[in-house]
Amino acid sequence: MHDIITPANITRLTELAHVRRGWISDLAWSPNGAALAVAHGAAITLLVADTLEARGTLAGHAGPVKNIAVSRDGFLIASGSADTTARLWDLRRGGAYREFTGHADAVEAVALSPDDTRLAAASRHTVTLWDITGGTAISHLRGHQDVVTSLAFLPDGRSLAAGSWDKSVKIWDISDERVLISLPHEGWVRHVSLRGSTLVSASRDGAVWLWDTLTGQLVRRFAAHEGGADAAALSPDGTLLATAGRDHTVKFWDAASGQRLHTLRAQDRPVLALAWSPDGTRLATGSGDHTVRVWRVKP
């Protein structure tokens, strides 16, 4: 067993394993923390989490995979691609997939609803909600003024957060296609993630923001990365904020105080993706240096 990563032991973080997989665009853990899905080039490779041994590859997109999401049971993987399609891969059926077409351009982001009945796919300024079972479009969320880059369902499953190059995050009521809250930023929004009612957003100006989605209030702003922030997420217990950016680093912050606790300088290129394991014992990072790395607390 690994120790949970906390503010008290963060300086003992060490690399557990790494592997080269081409240009890394996204990472997602299986719900049990045993496997890691990695989007690289036009494929998704499934890795054993602690060794990063490859166990299978999902291939078929005609362009780079931009974003992935994993279902609650771990058997479905959604992907969005530069080939203008989204796909839903079924691991129970050997990687068979359903394709969702009709998007205006590259599908930059995907998200699965908490009950795994709907797929959200962002293309240009529009987010399309798809019924997973029937494969039909349910609704279209239009209101962003530039490319939508990242999506995350709120825990209630009725609301969706969308980050955009228009320097905003909008929280949508998906039932009536209405914007509930608009959160202004100072630069392009590259990534959004959620931990409970707290939304984390990372922007091109290097800042990372924490927001209360219940009130729309800014909780804290972190001047995190020179050159831009690409990804950020709160640890499962909410005590740590991990941020990644163009300065080739991953930084760790005390979420309550805003204090920077530790910096990892182990990548040779921008760090483009990060993801906490569900139990909070490991952190996975993906970089433009073509490596995936998994980190844990040194015993």
C-alpha atoms as a PDB file:
ATOM      1  CA  MET A   1       0.000   0.000   0.000  1.00  0.00           C
ATOM      2  CA  HIS A   2       1.109   3.529  -0.768  1.00  0.00           C
ATOM      3  CA  ASP A   3       0.725   6.446   1.616  1.00  0.00           C
ATOM      4  CA  ILE A   4      -1.861   9.094   0.790  1.00  0.00           C
ATOM      5  CA  ILE A   5      -0.137  12.211  -0.529  1.00  0.00           C
ATOM      6  CA  THR A   6      -0.641  15.071   1.950  1.00  0.00           C
ATOM      7  CA  PRO A   7       0.804  18.528   2.689  1.00  0.00           C
ATOM      8  CA  ALA A   8       2.885  16.887   5.423  1.00  0.00           C
ATOM      9  CA  ASN A   9       4.685  14.392   3.146  1.00  0.00           C
ATOM     10  CA  ILE A  10       4.621  16.125  -0.238  1.00  0.00           C
ATOM     11  CA  THR A  11       8.377  16.811  -0.193  1.00  0.00           C
ATOM     12  CA  ARG A  12       8.972  13.025  -0.142  1.00  0.00           C
ATOM     13  CA  LEU A  13       7.269  12.555  -3.499  1.00  0.00           C
ATOM     14  CA  THR A  14       9.293  10.307  -5.788  1.00  0.00           C
ATOM     15  CA  GLU A  15       8.876   8.700  -9.189  1.00  0.00           C
ATOM     16  CA  LEU A  16       7.320   5.236  -9.123  1.00  0.00           C
ATOM     17  CA  ALA A  17       7.535   4.532 -12.867  1.00  0.00           C
ATOM     18  CA  HIS A  18       7.734   6.227 -16.249  1.00  0.00           C
ATOM     19  CA  VAL A  19       7.237   5.259 -19.880  1.00  0.00           C
ATOM     20  CA  ARG A  20       7.536   6.923 -23.277  1.00  0.00           C
ATOM     21  CA  ARG A  21       4.283   7.118 -25.278  1.00  0.00           C
ATOM     22  CA  GLY A  22       4.637   9.909 -27.831  1.00  0.00           C
ATOM     23  CA  TRP A  23       2.904  13.259 -27.429  1.00  0.00           C
ATOM     24  CA  ILE A  24       0.728  12.978 -24.311  1.00  0.00           C
ATOM     25  CA  SER A  25      -2.558  14.892 -24.455  1.00  0.00           C
ATOM     26  CA  ASP A  26      -4.549  13.449 -21.534  1.00  0.00           C
ATOM     27  CA  LEU A  27      -4.585  10.942 -18.664  1.00  0.00           C
ATOM     28  CA  ALA A  28      -7.403   9.219 -16.768  1.00  0.00           C
ATOM     29  CA  TRP A  29      -7.377   6.652 -13.941  1.00  0.00           C
ATOM     30  CA  SER A  30      -9.622   3.634 -13.665  1.00  0.00           C
ATOM     31  CA  PRO A  31     -12.023   3.955 -10.703  1.00  0.00           C
ATOM     32  CA  ASN A  32     -10.126   1.291  -8.718  1.00  0.00           C
ATOM     33  CA  GLY A  33      -6.751   2.958  -9.343  1.00  0.00           C
ATOM     34  CA  ALA A  34      -5.267  -0.164 -10.942  1.00  0.00           C
ATOM     35  CA  ALA A  35      -5.000   1.162 -14.494  1.00  0.00           C
ATOM     36  CA  LEU A  36      -4.219   4.373 -16.320  1.00  0.00           C
ATOM     37  CA  ALA A  37      -5.582   5.382 -19.733  1.00  0.00           C
ATOM     38  CA  VAL A  38      -3.207   7.573 -21.737  1.00  0.00           C
ATOM     39  CA  ALA A  39      -4.142   9.542 -24.852  1.00  0.00           C
ATOM     40  CA  HIS A  40      -1.180   9.920 -27.204  1.00  0.00           C
ATOM     41  CA  GLY A  41      -1.256  10.632 -30.908  1.00  0.00           C
ATOM     42  CA  ALA A  42      -4.335   9.004 -32.465  1.00  0.00           C
ATOM     43  CA  ALA A  43      -4.529   6.203 -29.864  1.00  0.00           C
ATOM     44  CA  ILE A  44      -5.316   5.452 -26.224  1.00  0.00           C
ATOM     45  CA  THR A  45      -3.085   2.993 -24.380  1.00  0.00           C
ATOM     46  CA  LEU A  46      -4.172   1.209 -21.203  1.00  0.00           C
ATOM     47  CA  LEU A  47      -1.350   0.870 -18.663  1.00  0.00           C
ATOM     48  CA  VAL A  48      -0.915  -0.994 -15.393  1.00  0.00           C
ATOM     49  CA  ALA A  49      -0.780   1.939 -12.993  1.00  0.00           C
ATOM     50  CA  ASP A  50       2.230   1.067 -10.811  1.00  0.00           C
ATOM     51  CA  THR A  51       4.490  -0.368 -13.533  1.00  0.00           C
ATOM     52  CA  LEU A  52       3.124   1.428 -16.624  1.00  0.00           C
ATOM     53  CA  GLU A  53       3.199  -1.873 -18.498  1.00  0.00           C
ATOM     54  CA  ALA A  54       0.955  -1.678 -21.571  1.00  0.00           C
ATOM     55  CA  ARG A  55      -2.089  -3.957 -21.507  1.00  0.00           C
ATOM     56  CA  GLY A  56      -3.915  -2.807 -24.631  1.00  0.00           C
ATOM     57  CA  THR A  57      -4.419  -0.029 -27.149  1.00  0.00           C
ATOM     58  CA  LEU A  58      -7.584   1.582 -28.491  1.00  0.00           C
ATOM     59  CA  ALA A  59      -6.805   2.715 -32.029  1.00  0.00           C
ATOM     60  CA  GLY A  60      -8.942   3.967 -34.874  1.00  0.00           C
ATOM     61  CA  HIS A  61      -9.230   7.733 -34.679  1.00  0.00           C
ATOM     62  CA  ALA A  62      -8.018   9.415 -37.865  1.00  0.00           C
ATOM     63  CA  GLY A  63      -6.470  12.311 -35.946  1.00  0.00           C
ATOM     64  CA  PRO A  64      -4.879  13.062 -32.577  1.00  0.00           C
ATOM     65  CA  VAL A  65      -6.932  12.231 -29.488  1.00  0.00           C
ATOM     66  CA  LYS A  66      -7.503  15.487 -27.610  1.00  0.00           C
ATOM     67  CA  ASN A  67      -9.243  14.360 -24.425  1.00  0.00           C
ATOM     68  CA  ILE A  68     -10.528  11.237 -22.656  1.00  0.00           C
ATOM     69  CA  ALA A  69     -12.923  10.346 -19.823  1.00  0.00           C
ATOM     70  CA  VAL A  70     -13.592   7.077 -17.967  1.00  0.00           C
ATOM     71  CA  SER A  71     -16.965   5.836 -16.724  1.00  0.00           C
ATOM     72  CA  ARG A  72     -17.707   5.126 -13.068  1.00  0.00           C
ATOM     73  CA  ASP A  73     -17.424   1.367 -13.565  1.00  0.00           C
ATOM     74  CA  GLY A  74     -14.226   1.696 -15.609  1.00  0.00           C
ATOM     75  CA  PHE A  75     -15.528  -0.229 -18.622  1.00  0.00           C
ATOM     76  CA  LEU A  76     -16.273   2.745 -20.899  1.00  0.00           C
ATOM     77  CA  ILE A  77     -13.767   5.276 -22.204  1.00  0.00           C
ATOM     78  CA  ALA A  78     -14.889   8.390 -24.075  1.00  0.00           C
ATOM     79  CA  SER A  79     -12.525  10.152 -26.452  1.00  0.00           C
ATOM     80  CA  GLY A  80     -12.579  13.326 -28.511  1.00  0.00           C
ATOM     81  CA  SER A  81     -10.354  13.709 -31.558  1.00  0.00           C
ATOM     82  CA  ALA A  82      -9.078  16.138 -34.141  1.00  0.00           C
ATOM     83  CA  ASP A  83     -10.859  13.916 -36.690  1.00  0.00           C
ATOM     84  CA  THR A  84     -14.116  15.714 -35.622  1.00  0.00           C
ATOM     85  CA  THR A  85     -15.575  12.649 -33.892  1.00  0.00           C
ATOM     86  CA  ALA A  86     -16.161  11.489 -30.347  1.00  0.00           C
ATOM     87  CA  ARG A  87     -16.060   7.804 -29.526  1.00  0.00           C
ATOM     88  CA  LEU A  88     -17.226   5.619 -26.679  1.00  0.00           C
ATOM     89  CA  TRP A  89     -15.061   2.523 -26.286  1.00  0.00           C
ATOM     90  CA  ASP A  90     -16.465  -0.539 -24.471  1.00  0.00           C
ATOM     91  CA  LEU A  91     -13.730  -2.577 -22.794  1.00  0.00           C
ATOM     92  CA  ARG A  92     -16.190  -5.386 -22.050  1.00  0.00           C
ATOM     93  CA  ARG A  93     -16.541  -5.879 -25.793  1.00  0.00           C
ATOM     94  CA  GLY A  94     -12.858  -5.871 -26.596  1.00  0.00           C
ATOM     95  CA  GLY A  95     -12.665  -2.167 -27.345  1.00  0.00           C
ATOM     96  CA  ALA A  96     -15.645  -1.992 -29.682  1.00  0.00           C
ATOM     97  CA  TYR A  97     -16.831   1.596 -30.013  1.00  0.00           C
ATOM     98  CA  ARG A  98     -19.750   3.810 -30.899  1.00  0.00           C
ATOM     99  CA  GLU A  99     -18.937   6.892 -32.960  1.00  0.00           C
ATOM    100  CA  PHE A 100     -20.604  10.293 -32.476  1.00  0.00           C
ATOM    101  CA  THR A 101     -20.371  12.428 -35.606  1.00  0.00           C
ATOM    102  CA  GLY A 102     -21.623  15.760 -36.906  1.00  0.00           C
ATOM    103  CA  HIS A 103     -19.302  18.072 -34.986  1.00  0.00           C
ATOM    104  CA  ALA A 104     -18.156  21.237 -36.735  1.00  0.00           C
ATOM    105  CA  ASP A 105     -14.449  20.719 -36.100  1.00  0.00           C
ATOM    106  CA  ALA A 106     -12.050  18.890 -33.792  1.00  0.00           C
ATOM    107  CA  VAL A 107     -13.644  17.556 -30.624  1.00  0.00           C
ATOM    108  CA  GLU A 108     -11.455  19.295 -28.063  1.00  0.00           C
ATOM    109  CA  ALA A 109     -13.056  17.895 -24.898  1.00  0.00           C
ATOM    110  CA  VAL A 110     -15.382  15.162 -23.673  1.00  0.00           C
ATOM    111  CA  ALA A 111     -17.070  14.368 -20.366  1.00  0.00           C
ATOM    112  CA  LEU A 112     -19.328  11.585 -19.107  1.00  0.00           C
ATOM    113  CA  SER A 113     -22.267  12.379 -16.837  1.00  0.00           C
ATOM    114  CA  PRO A 114     -22.088  10.939 -13.284  1.00  0.00           C
ATOM    115  CA  ASP A 115     -24.721   8.314 -14.169  1.00  0.00           C
ATOM    116  CA  ASP A 116     -22.924   7.451 -17.441  1.00  0.00           C
ATOM    117  CA  THR A 117     -26.009   8.090 -19.571  1.00  0.00           C
ATOM    118  CA  ARG A 118     -24.804  11.203 -21.407  1.00  0.00           C
ATOM    119  CA  LEU A 119     -21.692  12.226 -23.268  1.00  0.00           C
ATOM    120  CA  ALA A 120     -20.736  15.896 -23.614  1.00  0.00           C
ATOM    121  CA  ALA A 121     -18.497  16.770 -26.567  1.00  0.00           C
ATOM    122  CA  ALA A 122     -17.073  20.229 -27.299  1.00  0.00           C
ATOM    123  CA  SER A 123     -16.326  21.361 -30.859  1.00  0.00           C
ATOM    124  CA  ARG A 124     -15.543  25.001 -31.663  1.00  0.00           C
ATOM    125  CA  HIS A 125     -17.987  27.171 -29.692  1.00  0.00           C
ATOM    126  CA  THR A 126     -20.609  24.460 -29.149  1.00  0.00           C
ATOM    127  CA  VAL A 127     -21.049  21.648 -26.634  1.00  0.00           C
ATOM    128  CA  THR A 128     -23.253  18.771 -27.815  1.00  0.00           C
ATOM    129  CA  LEU A 129     -24.973  16.475 -25.308  1.00  0.00           C
ATOM    130  CA  TRP A 130     -25.403  12.926 -26.570  1.00  0.00           C
ATOM    131  CA  ASP A 131     -27.577  10.087 -25.270  1.00  0.00           C
ATOM    132  CA  ILE A 132     -25.141   7.219 -24.856  1.00  0.00           C
ATOM    133  CA  THR A 133     -27.672   4.424 -25.253  1.00  0.00           C
ATOM    134  CA  GLY A 134     -29.396   5.715 -28.369  1.00  0.00           C
ATOM    135  CA  GLY A 135     -26.436   7.602 -29.834  1.00  0.00           C
ATOM    136  CA  THR A 136     -28.600  10.663 -30.516  1.00  0.00           C
ATOM    137  CA  ALA A 137     -27.919  14.332 -29.842  1.00  0.00           C
ATOM    138  CA  ILE A 138     -30.065  15.600 -26.965  1.00  0.00           C
ATOM    139  CA  SER A 139     -29.140  19.279 -26.950  1.00  0.00           C
ATOM    140  CA  HIS A 140     -26.578  21.887 -27.978  1.00  0.00           C
ATOM    141  CA  LEU A 141     -25.061  24.443 -25.605  1.00  0.00           C
ATOM    142  CA  ARG A 142     -24.208  27.597 -27.536  1.00  0.00           C
ATOM    143  CA  GLY A 143     -22.954  30.784 -25.937  1.00  0.00           C
ATOM    144  CA  HIS A 144     -19.174  30.687 -25.812  1.00  0.00           C
ATOM    145  CA  GLN A 145     -17.448  33.165 -28.120  1.00  0.00           C
ATOM    146  CA  ASP A 146     -14.388  31.018 -28.837  1.00  0.00           C
ATOM    147  CA  VAL A 147     -13.215  27.399 -28.796  1.00  0.00           C
ATOM    148  CA  VAL A 148     -14.362  25.307 -25.808  1.00  0.00           C
ATOM    149  CA  THR A 149     -11.306  23.499 -24.481  1.00  0.00           C
ATOM    150  CA  SER A 150     -12.394  21.552 -21.397  1.00  0.00           C
ATOM    151  CA  LEU A 151     -15.541  20.056 -19.826  1.00  0.00           C
ATOM    152  CA  ALA A 152     -16.567  18.684 -16.427  1.00  0.00           C
ATOM    153  CA  PHE A 153     -19.949  17.568 -15.128  1.00  0.00           C
ATOM    154  CA  LEU A 154     -20.981  18.831 -11.708  1.00  0.00           C
ATOM    155  CA  PRO A 155     -21.835  16.082  -9.166  1.00  0.00           C
ATOM    156  CA  ASP A 156     -25.588  16.613  -9.620  1.00  0.00           C
ATOM    157  CA  GLY A 157     -25.322  15.565 -13.273  1.00  0.00           C
ATOM    158  CA  ARG A 158     -27.677  18.393 -14.256  1.00  0.00           C
ATOM    159  CA  SER A 159     -24.968  21.013 -14.718  1.00  0.00           C
ATOM    160  CA  LEU A 160     -21.862  21.148 -16.883  1.00  0.00           C
ATOM    161  CA  ALA A 161     -18.782  23.372 -16.617  1.00  0.00           C
ATOM    162  CA  ALA A 162     -17.124  24.453 -19.868  1.00  0.00           C
ATOM    163  CA  GLY A 163     -13.828  26.333 -20.161  1.00  0.00           C
ATOM    164  CA  SER A 164     -13.049  28.331 -23.288  1.00  0.00           C
ATOM    165  CA  TRP A 165     -10.551  30.479 -25.130  1.00  0.00           C
ATOM    166  CA  ASP A 166     -13.060  33.305 -24.637  1.00  0.00           C
ATOM    167  CA  LYS A 167     -11.507  33.741 -21.137  1.00  0.00           C
ATOM    168  CA  SER A 168     -14.457  32.301 -19.264  1.00  0.00           C
ATOM    169  CA  VAL A 169     -15.847  29.212 -17.620  1.00  0.00           C
ATOM    170  CA  LYS A 170     -19.585  28.834 -18.016  1.00  0.00           C
ATOM    171  CA  ILE A 171     -21.700  26.532 -15.883  1.00  0.00           C
ATOM    172  CA  TRP A 172     -24.690  25.333 -17.862  1.00  0.00           C
ATOM    173  CA  ASP A 173     -28.057  23.910 -16.853  1.00  0.00           C
ATOM    174  CA  ILE A 174     -28.129  21.174 -19.480  1.00  0.00           C
ATOM    175  CA  SER A 175     -31.882  20.601 -19.218  1.00  0.00           C
ATOM    176  CA  ASP A 176     -32.826  24.028 -20.599  1.00  0.00           C
ATOM    177  CA  GLU A 177     -29.476  24.990 -22.226  1.00  0.00           C
ATOM    178  CA  ARG A 178     -29.123  28.004 -19.920  1.00  0.00           C
ATOM    179  CA  VAL A 179     -25.965  29.559 -18.447  1.00  0.00           C
ATOM    180  CA  LEU A 180     -26.250  29.516 -14.657  1.00  0.00           C
ATOM    181  CA  ILE A 181     -22.905  31.148 -13.835  1.00  0.00           C
ATOM    182  CA  SER A 182     -20.161  32.745 -15.926  1.00  0.00           C
ATOM    183  CA  LEU A 183     -16.709  32.926 -14.338  1.00  0.00           C
ATOM    184  CA  PRO A 184     -14.371  35.525 -15.925  1.00  0.00           C
ATOM    185  CA  HIS A 185     -10.652  34.895 -16.411  1.00  0.00           C
ATOM    186  CA  GLU A 186      -7.681  36.988 -17.499  1.00  0.00           C
ATOM    187  CA  GLY A 187      -6.481  34.515 -20.134  1.00  0.00           C
ATOM    188  CA  TRP A 188      -7.648  31.570 -22.231  1.00  0.00           C
ATOM    189  CA  VAL A 189      -8.995  28.735 -20.098  1.00  0.00           C
ATOM    190  CA  ARG A 190      -7.130  25.563 -20.958  1.00  0.00           C
ATOM    191  CA  HIS A 191      -8.463  23.134 -18.356  1.00  0.00           C
ATOM    192  CA  VAL A 192     -11.218  22.694 -15.790  1.00  0.00           C
ATOM    193  CA  SER A 193     -11.709  20.031 -13.118  1.00  0.00           C
ATOM    194  CA  LEU A 194     -14.074  19.544 -10.192  1.00  0.00           C
ATOM    195  CA  ARG A 195     -13.775  18.280  -6.636  1.00  0.00           C
ATOM    196  CA  GLY A 196     -17.189  18.374  -5.028  1.00  0.00           C
ATOM    197  CA  SER A 197     -18.546  21.908  -5.384  1.00  0.00           C
ATOM    198  CA  THR A 198     -15.090  23.415  -6.011  1.00  0.00           C
ATOM    199  CA  LEU A 199     -14.100  24.089  -9.599  1.00  0.00           C
ATOM    200  CA  VAL A 200     -10.439  24.416 -10.593  1.00  0.00           C
ATOM    201  CA  SER A 201      -9.493  26.260 -13.781  1.00  0.00           C
ATOM    202  CA  ALA A 202      -6.092  26.696 -15.417  1.00  0.00           C
ATOM    203  CA  SER A 203      -5.415  29.484 -17.890  1.00  0.00           C
ATOM    204  CA  ARG A 204      -2.935  30.582 -20.495  1.00  0.00           C
ATOM    205  CA  ASP A 205      -1.759  33.527 -18.379  1.00  0.00           C
ATOM    206  CA  GLY A 206      -0.276  31.041 -15.888  1.00  0.00           C
ATOM    207  CA  ALA A 207      -2.949  31.453 -13.229  1.00  0.00           C
ATOM    208  CA  VAL A 208      -4.968  28.693 -11.578  1.00  0.00           C
ATOM    209  CA  TRP A 209      -8.293  29.572  -9.984  1.00  0.00           C
ATOM    210  CA  LEU A 210     -10.500  27.938  -7.348  1.00  0.00           C
ATOM    211  CA  TRP A 211     -14.233  28.715  -7.554  1.00  0.00           C
ATOM    212  CA  ASP A 212     -17.278  27.893  -5.439  1.00  0.00           C
ATOM    213  CA  THR A 213     -19.810  26.578  -7.965  1.00  0.00           C
ATOM    214  CA  LEU A 214     -22.699  27.052  -5.526  1.00  0.00           C
ATOM    215  CA  THR A 215     -22.172  30.824  -5.290  1.00  0.00           C
ATOM    216  CA  GLY A 216     -19.973  31.623  -8.295  1.00  0.00           C
ATOM    217  CA  GLN A 217     -17.456  33.256  -5.951  1.00  0.00           C
ATOM    218  CA  LEU A 218     -13.693  33.133  -6.443  1.00  0.00           C
ATOM    219  CA  VAL A 219     -12.086  31.244  -3.548  1.00  0.00           C
ATOM    220  CA  ARG A 220      -8.424  31.806  -4.446  1.00  0.00           C
ATOM    221  CA  ARG A 221      -6.179  32.680  -7.389  1.00  0.00           C
ATOM    222  CA  PHE A 222      -2.713  31.119  -7.720  1.00  0.00           C
ATOM    223  CA  ALA A 223       0.016  32.734  -9.855  1.00  0.00           C
ATOM    224  CA  ALA A 224       1.237  29.261 -10.728  1.00  0.00           C
ATOM    225  CA  HIS A 225       3.289  28.913 -13.933  1.00  0.00           C
ATOM    226  CA  GLU A 226       5.366  31.140 -16.174  1.00  0.00           C
ATOM    227  CA  GLY A 227       4.308  30.703 -19.790  1.00  0.00           C
ATOM    228  CA  GLY A 228       0.884  29.295 -18.943  1.00  0.00           C
ATOM    229  CA  ALA A 229      -0.905  26.671 -16.863  1.00  0.00           C
ATOM    230  CA  ASP A 230      -2.145  23.573 -18.688  1.00  0.00           C
ATOM    231  CA  ALA A 231      -3.769  21.422 -16.010  1.00  0.00           C
ATOM    232  CA  ALA A 232      -4.760  21.540 -12.353  1.00  0.00           C
ATOM    233  CA  ALA A 233      -6.680  19.346  -9.915  1.00  0.00           C
ATOM    234  CA  LEU A 234      -7.430  19.042  -6.220  1.00  0.00           C
ATOM    235  CA  SER A 235      -6.403  15.858  -4.415  1.00  0.00           C
ATOM    236  CA  PRO A 236      -9.257  13.500  -3.471  1.00  0.00           C
ATOM    237  CA  ASP A 237      -9.319  14.825   0.110  1.00  0.00           C
ATOM    238  CA  GLY A 238      -9.195  18.431  -1.129  1.00  0.00           C
ATOM    239  CA  THR A 239      -6.101  19.421   0.840  1.00  0.00           C
ATOM    240  CA  LEU A 240      -3.622  19.683  -2.029  1.00  0.00           C
ATOM    241  CA  LEU A 241      -3.797  21.469  -5.372  1.00  0.00           C
ATOM    242  CA  ALA A 242      -1.526  20.129  -8.112  1.00  0.00           C
ATOM    243  CA  THR A 243      -0.823  22.391 -11.091  1.00  0.00           C
ATOM    244  CA  ALA A 244       1.140  21.811 -14.290  1.00  0.00           C
ATOM    245  CA  GLY A 245       2.430  24.187 -16.928  1.00  0.00           C
ATOM    246  CA  ARG A 246       4.691  25.412 -19.683  1.00  0.00           C
ATOM    247  CA  ASP A 247       7.601  25.964 -17.285  1.00  0.00           C
ATOM    248  CA  HIS A 248       8.132  22.154 -17.259  1.00  0.00           C
ATOM    249  CA  THR A 249       7.064  21.847 -13.612  1.00  0.00           C
ATOM    250  CA  VAL A 250       4.349  20.382 -11.420  1.00  0.00           C
ATOM    251  CA  LYS A 251       3.651  22.471  -8.333  1.00  0.00           C
ATOM    252  CA  PHE A 252       1.801  21.582  -5.163  1.00  0.00           C
ATOM    253  CA  TRP A 253      -0.143  24.087  -3.074  1.00  0.00           C
ATOM    254  CA  ASP A 254      -1.923  24.018   0.254  1.00  0.00           C
ATOM    255  CA  ALA A 255      -5.498  24.478  -0.921  1.00  0.00           C
ATOM    256  CA  ALA A 256      -6.602  26.164   2.306  1.00  0.00           C
ATOM    257  CA  SER A 257      -3.771  28.672   2.746  1.00  0.00           C
ATOM    258  CA  GLY A 258      -2.536  29.081  -0.835  1.00  0.00           C
ATOM    259  CA  GLN A 259       1.060  28.324   0.207  1.00  0.00           C
ATOM    260  CA  ARG A 260       3.302  26.623  -2.347  1.00  0.00           C
ATOM    261  CA  LEU A 261       4.632  23.447  -0.739  1.00  0.00           C
ATOM    262  CA  HIS A 262       6.707  21.665  -3.370  1.00  0.00           C
ATOM    263  CA  THR A 263       7.855  21.789  -7.002  1.00  0.00           C
ATOM    264  CA  LEU A 264       8.686  18.849  -9.273  1.00  0.00           C
ATOM    265  CA  ARG A 265      11.178  19.614 -12.045  1.00  0.00           C
ATOM    266  CA  ALA A 266      11.390  16.205 -13.672  1.00  0.00           C
ATOM    267  CA  GLN A 267      10.079  16.884 -17.202  1.00  0.00           C
ATOM    268  CA  ASP A 268      12.021  18.234 -20.152  1.00  0.00           C
ATOM    269  CA  ARG A 269       9.035  19.878 -21.849  1.00  0.00           C
ATOM    270  CA  PRO A 270       5.711  21.452 -20.773  1.00  0.00           C
ATOM    271  CA  VAL A 271       3.590  19.285 -18.469  1.00  0.00           C
ATOM    272  CA  LEU A 272       0.271  19.013 -20.310  1.00  0.00           C
ATOM    273  CA  ALA A 273      -1.817  16.676 -18.140  1.00  0.00           C
ATOM    274  CA  LEU A 274      -2.067  15.420 -14.593  1.00  0.00           C
ATOM    275  CA  ALA A 275      -4.472  13.217 -12.649  1.00  0.00           C
ATOM    276  CA  TRP A 276      -4.739  12.042  -9.044  1.00  0.00           C
ATOM    277  CA  SER A 277      -5.391   8.372  -8.375  1.00  0.00           C
ATOM    278  CA  PRO A 278      -8.846   7.851  -6.817  1.00  0.00           C
ATOM    279  CA  ASP A 279      -7.338   6.969  -3.424  1.00  0.00           C
ATOM    280  CA  GLY A 280      -4.969   9.943  -3.410  1.00  0.00           C
ATOM    281  CA  THR A 281      -1.808   7.834  -3.133  1.00  0.00           C
ATOM    282  CA  ARG A 282      -0.375   8.589  -6.595  1.00  0.00           C
ATOM    283  CA  LEU A 283      -0.246  11.357  -9.157  1.00  0.00           C
ATOM    284  CA  ALA A 284       0.161  10.745 -12.897  1.00  0.00           C
ATOM    285  CA  THR A 285       1.687  13.387 -15.173  1.00  0.00           C
ATOM    286  CA  GLY A 286       2.051  13.580 -18.951  1.00  0.00           C
ATOM    287  CA  SER A 287       4.456  15.839 -20.800  1.00  0.00           C
ATOM    288  CA  GLY A 288       5.448  17.141 -24.183  1.00  0.00           C
ATOM    289  CA  ASP A 289       8.686  15.238 -23.631  1.00  0.00           C
ATOM    290  CA  HIS A 290       6.616  12.128 -24.570  1.00  0.00           C
ATOM    291  CA  THR A 291       6.686  10.578 -21.096  1.00  0.00           C
ATOM    292  CA  VAL A 292       4.047   9.502 -18.602  1.00  0.00           C
ATOM    293  CA  ARG A 293       5.199   9.427 -14.992  1.00  0.00           C
ATOM    294  CA  VAL A 294       3.542   8.149 -11.835  1.00  0.00           C
ATOM    295  CA  TRP A 295       4.567   9.672  -8.496  1.00  0.00           C
ATOM    296  CA  ARG A 296       4.137   8.424  -4.921  1.00  0.00           C
ATOM    297  CA  VAL A 297       5.422   9.227  -1.443  1.00  0.00           C
ATOM    298  CA  LYS A 298       8.802   7.595  -0.819  1.00  0.00           C
ATOM    299  CA  PRO A 299       8.430   4.889   1.871  1.00  0.00           C
END
